[in-house]
C-alpha atoms as a PDB file:
ATOM      1  CA  MET A   1     -16.971   4.070 -20.367  1.00  0.00           C
ATOM      2  CA  VAL A   2     -13.736   2.805 -19.907  1.00  0.00           C
ATOM      3  CA  SER A   3     -12.537  -0.914 -18.918  1.00  0.00           C
ATOM      4  CA  LEU A   4      -9.731  -2.594 -18.801  1.00  0.00           C
ATOM      5  CA  TYR A   5      -8.700  -6.527 -18.574  1.00  0.00           C
ATOM      6  CA  SER A   6      -6.157  -8.817 -19.048  1.00  0.00           C
ATOM      7  CA  GLY A   7      -4.470  -6.033 -21.729  1.00  0.00           C
ATOM      8  CA  VAL A   8      -7.501  -5.435 -23.800  1.00  0.00           C
ATOM      9  CA  VAL A   9      -9.598  -2.257 -23.171  1.00  0.00           C
ATOM     10  CA  TYR A  10     -12.672  -1.139 -24.205  1.00  0.00           C
ATOM     11  CA  LEU A  11     -14.184   1.862 -24.272  1.00  0.00           C
ATOM     12  CA  PHE A  12     -17.442   2.837 -24.593  1.00  0.00           C
ATOM     13  CA  ALA A  13     -18.610   6.185 -25.398  1.00  0.00           C
ATOM     14  CA  GLY A  14     -22.098   7.921 -26.259  1.00  0.00           C
ATOM     15  CA  MET A  15     -25.153   5.691 -27.253  1.00  0.00           C
ATOM     16  CA  HIS A  16     -27.975   5.117 -26.036  1.00  0.00           C
ATOM     17  CA  ASP A  17     -29.803   2.032 -27.601  1.00  0.00           C
ATOM     18  CA  ARG A  18     -29.205  -0.139 -25.320  1.00  0.00           C
ATOM     19  CA  ASN A  19     -30.514  -2.966 -27.266  1.00  0.00           C
ATOM     20  CA  LYS A  20     -27.832  -2.506 -30.208  1.00  0.00           C
ATOM     21  CA  LEU A  21     -25.024  -1.768 -27.621  1.00  0.00           C
ATOM     22  CA  THR A  22     -26.019  -4.923 -25.970  1.00  0.00           C
ATOM     23  CA  ALA A  23     -25.827  -7.050 -29.252  1.00  0.00           C
ATOM     24  CA  ARG A  24     -22.458  -5.540 -30.427  1.00  0.00           C
ATOM     25  CA  VAL A  25     -21.193  -6.426 -26.918  1.00  0.00           C
ATOM     26  CA  ARG A  26     -22.165  -9.773 -26.888  1.00  0.00           C
ATOM     27  CA  GLY A  27     -21.110 -10.250 -30.494  1.00  0.00           C
ATOM     28  CA  LEU A  28     -18.634  -7.808 -30.897  1.00  0.00           C
ATOM     29  CA  ASP A  29     -20.057  -7.330 -34.255  1.00  0.00           C
ATOM     30  CA  CYS A  30     -19.773  -3.090 -34.407  1.00  0.00           C
ATOM     31  CA  SER A  31     -17.594  -0.748 -36.278  1.00  0.00           C
ATOM     32  CA  PHE A  32     -14.822   0.185 -34.015  1.00  0.00           C
ATOM     33  CA  TYR A  33     -10.848   1.293 -34.330  1.00  0.00           C
ATOM     34  CA  ASN A  34      -7.836  -0.959 -33.363  1.00  0.00           C
ATOM     35  CA  PHE A  35      -4.415   0.003 -32.787  1.00  0.00           C
ATOM     36  CA  ILE A  36      -1.783  -1.699 -30.922  1.00  0.00           C
ATOM     37  CA  ALA A  37       0.313   0.011 -28.087  1.00  0.00           C
ATOM     38  CA  GLY A  38       2.656  -2.650 -26.745  1.00  0.00           C
ATOM     39  CA  GLU A  39       0.507  -5.307 -25.007  1.00  0.00           C
ATOM     40  CA  THR A  40      -2.825  -3.023 -25.626  1.00  0.00           C
ATOM     41  CA  LEU A  41      -5.630  -3.560 -27.837  1.00  0.00           C
ATOM     42  CA  CYS A  42      -8.194  -0.682 -27.930  1.00  0.00           C
ATOM     43  CA  LYS A  43     -11.825  -1.076 -29.520  1.00  0.00           C
ATOM     44  CA  LYS A  44     -13.836   2.082 -29.576  1.00  0.00           C
ATOM     45  CA  PHE A  45     -17.582   0.885 -29.314  1.00  0.00           C
ATOM     46  CA  PRO A  46     -20.529   3.294 -29.572  1.00  0.00           C
ATOM     47  CA  SER A  47     -21.539   3.522 -25.770  1.00  0.00           C
ATOM     48  CA  SER A  48     -22.889   5.682 -22.314  1.00  0.00           C
ATOM     49  CA  ASP A  49     -22.712   6.637 -19.478  1.00  0.00           C
ATOM     50  CA  LEU A  50     -23.087   4.786 -15.653  1.00  0.00           C
ATOM     51  CA  GLU A  51     -25.903   3.613 -15.718  1.00  0.00           C
ATOM     52  CA  ILE A  52     -25.739   1.331 -19.120  1.00  0.00           C
ATOM     53  CA  TRP A  53     -22.393  -0.015 -17.488  1.00  0.00           C
ATOM     54  CA  ALA A  54     -24.432  -0.736 -14.464  1.00  0.00           C
ATOM     55  CA  GLU A  55     -27.094  -2.890 -16.176  1.00  0.00           C
ATOM     56  CA  TYR A  56     -24.469  -4.459 -18.955  1.00  0.00           C
ATOM     57  CA  GLN A  57     -21.675  -4.983 -16.420  1.00  0.00           C
ATOM     58  CA  PRO A  58     -22.302  -8.941 -16.345  1.00  0.00           C
ATOM     59  CA  VAL A  59     -21.620  -8.986 -20.047  1.00  0.00           C
ATOM     60  CA  ILE A  60     -18.544  -7.153 -19.994  1.00  0.00           C
ATOM     61  CA  MET A  61     -17.318  -9.009 -17.011  1.00  0.00           C
ATOM     62  CA  ALA A  62     -17.755 -12.137 -19.010  1.00  0.00           C
ATOM     63  CA  LEU A  63     -15.959 -10.990 -21.462  1.00  0.00           C
ATOM     64  CA  GLY A  64     -13.335  -9.794 -19.105  1.00  0.00           C
ATOM     65  CA  GLY A  65     -12.929 -10.575 -15.448  1.00  0.00           C
ATOM     66  CA  LYS A  66     -10.854  -7.487 -14.893  1.00  0.00           C
ATOM     67  CA  SER A  67     -13.155  -4.981 -16.583  1.00  0.00           C
ATOM     68  CA  THR A  68     -13.763  -1.749 -14.557  1.00  0.00           C
ATOM     69  CA  TYR A  69     -15.279   1.266 -14.808  1.00  0.00           C
ATOM     70  CA  VAL A  70     -13.239   4.242 -14.505  1.00  0.00           C
ATOM     71  CA  GLY A  71     -15.341   7.152 -16.210  1.00  0.00           C
ATOM     72  CA  ASP A  72     -17.185   8.340 -19.446  1.00  0.00           C
ATOM     73  CA  GLN A  73     -14.325  10.743 -20.294  1.00  0.00           C
ATOM     74  CA  PRO A  74     -12.034   9.145 -23.420  1.00  0.00           C
ATOM     75  CA  ALA A  75      -8.856  10.998 -22.113  1.00  0.00           C
ATOM     76  CA  ALA A  76      -9.059   8.389 -18.960  1.00  0.00           C
ATOM     77  CA  LEU A  77      -7.750   5.574 -21.895  1.00  0.00           C
ATOM     78  CA  ALA A  78      -4.541   7.308 -22.301  1.00  0.00           C
ATOM     79  CA  VAL A  79      -4.461   8.253 -18.777  1.00  0.00           C
ATOM     80  CA  LEU A  80      -4.813   4.744 -17.682  1.00  0.00           C
ATOM     81  CA  PHE A  81      -2.329   3.220 -19.687  1.00  0.00           C
ATOM     82  CA  ALA A  82       0.709   5.885 -18.832  1.00  0.00           C
ATOM     83  CA  ALA A  83      -0.250   4.680 -15.305  1.00  0.00           C
ATOM     84  CA  LEU A  84      -0.057   0.991 -15.600  1.00  0.00           C
ATOM     85  CA  PHE A  85       3.125   1.659 -18.791  1.00  0.00           C
ATOM     86  CA  THR A  86       4.831   3.936 -15.703  1.00  0.00           C
ATOM     87  CA  THR A  87       4.037   0.790 -12.926  1.00  0.00           C
ATOM     88  CA  ARG A  88       5.547  -1.693 -15.430  1.00  0.00           C
ATOM     89  CA  GLN A  89       8.676  -0.067 -16.545  1.00  0.00           C
ATOM     90  CA  SER A  90       9.630   1.365 -13.749  1.00  0.00           C
ATOM     91  CA  PHE A  91      10.986  -2.287 -12.671  1.00  0.00           C
ATOM     92  CA  MET A  92      12.914  -2.168 -16.134  1.00  0.00           C
ATOM     93  CA  PHE A  93      14.227   0.643 -15.080  1.00  0.00           C
ATOM     94  CA  GLY A  94      15.439  -0.670 -11.539  1.00  0.00           C
ATOM     95  CA  MET A  95      17.243  -3.841 -13.554  1.00  0.00           C
ATOM     96  CA  ILE A  96      18.899  -1.453 -15.629  1.00  0.00           C
ATOM     97  CA  TYR A  97      20.104   0.832 -13.064  1.00  0.00           C
ATOM     98  CA  GLY A  98      21.281  -2.328 -10.964  1.00  0.00           C
ATOM     99  CA  ALA A  99      23.322  -3.331 -14.160  1.00  0.00           C
ATOM    100  CA  LEU A 100      25.183  -0.798 -14.121  1.00  0.00           C
ATOM    101  CA  ALA A 101      25.939  -0.122 -10.753  1.00  0.00           C
ATOM    102  CA  CYS A 102      27.156  -4.377 -10.694  1.00  0.00           C
ATOM    103  CA  GLN A 103      29.400  -3.370 -13.850  1.00  0.00           C
ATOM    104  CA  LYS A 104      31.105  -0.225 -11.634  1.00  0.00           C
ATOM    105  CA  ALA A 105      31.702  -2.894  -9.219  1.00  0.00           C
ATOM    106  CA  GLY A 106      33.024  -5.974 -11.436  1.00  0.00           C
ATOM    107  CA  ILE A 107      30.133  -8.127 -10.058  1.00  0.00           C
ATOM    108  CA  PRO A 108      28.949 -10.662 -13.292  1.00  0.00           C
ATOM    109  CA  LEU A 109      25.845  -9.576 -14.521  1.00  0.00           C
ATOM    110  CA  ASP A 110      24.568 -13.538 -14.836  1.00  0.00           C
ATOM    111  CA  ALA A 111      25.215 -13.013 -10.534  1.00  0.00           C
ATOM    112  CA  PHE A 112      22.796 -10.033 -10.737  1.00  0.00           C
ATOM    113  CA  VAL A 113      20.138 -11.867 -12.711  1.00  0.00           C
ATOM    114  CA  ASN A 114      20.079 -14.725 -10.802  1.00  0.00           C
ATOM    115  CA  GLN A 115      18.766 -13.223  -7.818  1.00  0.00           C
ATOM    116  CA  ILE A 116      16.413 -10.461  -9.347  1.00  0.00           C
ATOM    117  CA  PRO A 117      13.397 -13.338  -8.645  1.00  0.00           C
ATOM    118  CA  VAL A 118      14.035 -12.662  -5.320  1.00  0.00           C
ATOM    119  CA  SER A 119      12.918  -9.073  -5.896  1.00  0.00           C
ATOM    120  CA  ILE A 120       9.981 -10.208  -7.916  1.00  0.00           C
ATOM    121  CA  LYS A 121       8.260 -12.196  -5.349  1.00  0.00           C
ATOM    122  CA  MET A 122       8.389  -8.770  -3.410  1.00  0.00           C
ATOM    123  CA  MET A 123       6.527  -7.094  -5.720  1.00  0.00           C
ATOM    124  CA  GLN A 124       3.315  -8.799  -4.723  1.00  0.00           C
ATOM    125  CA  ASP A 125       4.051  -7.599  -0.733  1.00  0.00           C
ATOM    126  CA  TYR A 126       4.368  -4.161  -1.909  1.00  0.00           C
ATOM    127  CA  TYR A 127       1.022  -4.441  -4.729  1.00  0.00           C
ATOM    128  CA  GLU A 128      -1.006  -5.820  -1.409  1.00  0.00           C
ATOM    129  CA  LEU A 129       0.107  -2.790   0.419  1.00  0.00           C
ATOM    130  CA  PHE A 130      -0.445   0.248  -2.041  1.00  0.00           C
ATOM    131  CA  ALA A 131      -4.146  -1.982  -2.371  1.00  0.00           C
ATOM    132  CA  ALA A 132      -4.494  -1.626   1.362  1.00  0.00           C
ATOM    133  CA  THR A 133      -3.265   1.635   1.405  1.00  0.00           C
ATOM    134  CA  VAL A 134      -3.963   3.699  -1.433  1.00  0.00           C
ATOM    135  CA  PRO A 135      -7.533   3.498  -2.222  1.00  0.00           C
ATOM    136  CA  ALA A 136      -8.562   4.251   1.508  1.00  0.00           C
ATOM    137  CA  GLY A 137      -6.173   7.256   1.931  1.00  0.00           C
ATOM    138  CA  ASP A 138      -5.136   5.310   5.398  1.00  0.00           C
ATOM    139  CA  TYR A 139      -0.998   5.271   5.670  1.00  0.00           C
ATOM    140  CA  SER A 140      -0.720   4.709   9.355  1.00  0.00           C
ATOM    141  CA  ASN A 141       0.837   1.920  11.073  1.00  0.00           C
ATOM    142  CA  PRO A 142       3.448   0.954   8.656  1.00  0.00           C
ATOM    143  CA  GLU A 143       5.711  -1.978   9.498  1.00  0.00           C
ATOM    144  CA  ALA A 144       8.420   0.023   7.518  1.00  0.00           C
ATOM    145  CA  SER A 145       7.819   3.919   7.646  1.00  0.00           C
ATOM    146  CA  MET A 146       9.294   6.405   4.947  1.00  0.00           C
ATOM    147  CA  THR A 147      11.817   7.550   7.811  1.00  0.00           C
ATOM    148  CA  THR A 148      13.147   3.441   7.716  1.00  0.00           C
ATOM    149  CA  TYR A 149      12.943   3.442   3.948  1.00  0.00           C
ATOM    150  CA  ALA A 150      14.987   7.020   3.720  1.00  0.00           C
ATOM    151  CA  ALA A 151      17.749   5.297   5.391  1.00  0.00           C
ATOM    152  CA  ALA A 152      17.677   2.514   3.410  1.00  0.00           C
ATOM    153  CA  ILE A 153      17.352   4.680   0.035  1.00  0.00           C
ATOM    154  CA  ASP A 154      20.366   6.992   1.730  1.00  0.00           C
ATOM    155  CA  ASP A 155      22.728   3.971   2.211  1.00  0.00           C
ATOM    156  CA  THR A 156      21.714   2.825  -1.762  1.00  0.00           C
ATOM    157  CA  LEU A 157      22.094   6.211  -3.364  1.00  0.00           C
ATOM    158  CA  GLY A 158      25.623   6.893  -1.028  1.00  0.00           C
ATOM    159  CA  THR A 159      26.572   2.932  -2.883  1.00  0.00           C
ATOM    160  CA  PHE A 160      25.779   3.961  -6.254  1.00  0.00           C
ATOM    161  CA  LYS A 161      27.642   7.284  -6.068  1.00  0.00           C
ATOM    162  CA  SER A 162      30.719   5.552  -4.530  1.00  0.00           C
ATOM    163  CA  LEU A 163      31.367   3.988  -7.678  1.00  0.00           C
ATOM    164  CA  GLY A 164      30.589   6.682  -9.891  1.00  0.00           C
ATOM    165  CA  ALA A 165      27.622   5.029 -11.384  1.00  0.00           C
ATOM    166  CA  ARG A 166      24.516   6.564 -12.802  1.00  0.00           C
ATOM    167  CA  SER A 167      22.450   7.548 -10.056  1.00  0.00           C
ATOM    168  CA  GLU A 168      19.197   9.412 -11.812  1.00  0.00           C
ATOM    169  CA  LEU A 169      16.792   6.724 -10.565  1.00  0.00           C
ATOM    170  CA  PRO A 170      18.248   6.090  -6.723  1.00  0.00           C
ATOM    171  CA  GLN A 171      18.386  10.359  -6.491  1.00  0.00           C
ATOM    172  CA  LEU A 172      14.462  10.609  -7.357  1.00  0.00           C
ATOM    173  CA  MET A 173      13.771   7.937  -5.113  1.00  0.00           C
ATOM    174  CA  HIS A 174      15.676   9.376  -2.277  1.00  0.00           C
ATOM    175  CA  ASP A 175      14.495  13.076  -2.979  1.00  0.00           C
ATOM    176  CA  LEU A 176      11.118  11.826  -2.987  1.00  0.00           C
ATOM    177  CA  VAL A 177      11.146   9.779   0.450  1.00  0.00           C
ATOM    178  CA  HIS A 178      13.397  12.858   2.118  1.00  0.00           C
ATOM    179  CA  GLN A 179      10.424  15.140   1.081  1.00  0.00           C
ATOM    180  CA  GLY A 180       7.879  12.950   2.975  1.00  0.00           C
ATOM    181  CA  VAL A 181      10.073  12.761   5.935  1.00  0.00           C
ATOM    182  CA  ASP A 182      10.937  16.489   6.067  1.00  0.00           C
ATOM    183  CA  SER A 183       7.573  17.440   5.327  1.00  0.00           C
ATOM    184  CA  GLY A 184       6.484  15.520   8.689  1.00  0.00           C
ATOM    185  CA  HIS A 185       5.398  12.509   7.843  1.00  0.00           C
ATOM    186  CA  GLY A 186       8.226  10.152   8.436  1.00  0.00           C
ATOM    187  CA  ASP A 187       6.317   7.647  10.472  1.00  0.00           C
ATOM    188  CA  LYS A 188       3.872   6.877   7.711  1.00  0.00           C
ATOM    189  CA  GLN A 189       3.909   4.298   4.671  1.00  0.00           C
ATOM    190  CA  LEU A 190       6.069   5.011   2.226  1.00  0.00           C
ATOM    191  CA  THR A 191       2.653   4.979  -0.196  1.00  0.00           C
ATOM    192  CA  GLY A 192       1.546   8.276   1.784  1.00  0.00           C
ATOM    193  CA  LEU A 193       3.541  10.133  -0.830  1.00  0.00           C
ATOM    194  CA  VAL A 194       0.765   9.439  -3.433  1.00  0.00           C
ATOM    195  CA  LYS A 195      -1.488  11.954  -0.892  1.00  0.00           C
ATOM    196  CA  LEU A 196       2.042  13.976  -0.431  1.00  0.00           C
ATOM    197  CA  MET A 197       2.937  14.691  -3.917  1.00  0.00           C
ATOM    198  CA  GLY A 198      -0.430  14.920  -4.814  1.00  0.00           C
ATOM    199  CA  SER A 199      -1.629  17.766  -2.617  1.00  0.00           C
ATOM    200  CA  ALA A 200       1.834  19.623  -3.696  1.00  0.00           C
ATOM    201  CA  SER A 201       1.310  19.423  -7.707  1.00  0.00           C
END
């Protein structure tokens, strides 16, 4: 099983001695390998299945409140890391492209930097929207539809192009949102792209 909490990933795979597993989980006294990948520390413990996860979840949750069962395949560790890495770094790349546009327009970069916290506050709203719609697969009744986002992204991409600034990121955003609108999902949540893009792959 794979569980993630607070930047620490525990990978359990293939052990059926429950007493030994409990002792090893409680004391972290076992054979394991470590590797550092950014802020993630991975430890591999001999382990098991969903039934054992259910039995020992309280112990694991006591060690890390954000632990969660995601499956019994070791590859899930790499996939989860890649998904979370992409989530974090997309914000960094957004700031990089924003800085490029500001440079082209002669806007002081400290003025841009000073305004970034306003955008950071919106990340919580985006997270709550994503959490409320994607797991449930319900993309109806949006406050801001894909059509609304498409108009905003059209304006953003036009600004980048008029400045002669590099625009690969806003171009990608533009293309994906317009795919959603053109396929008849213009009245849905932007998060509906998860379903649309997943079914197209």
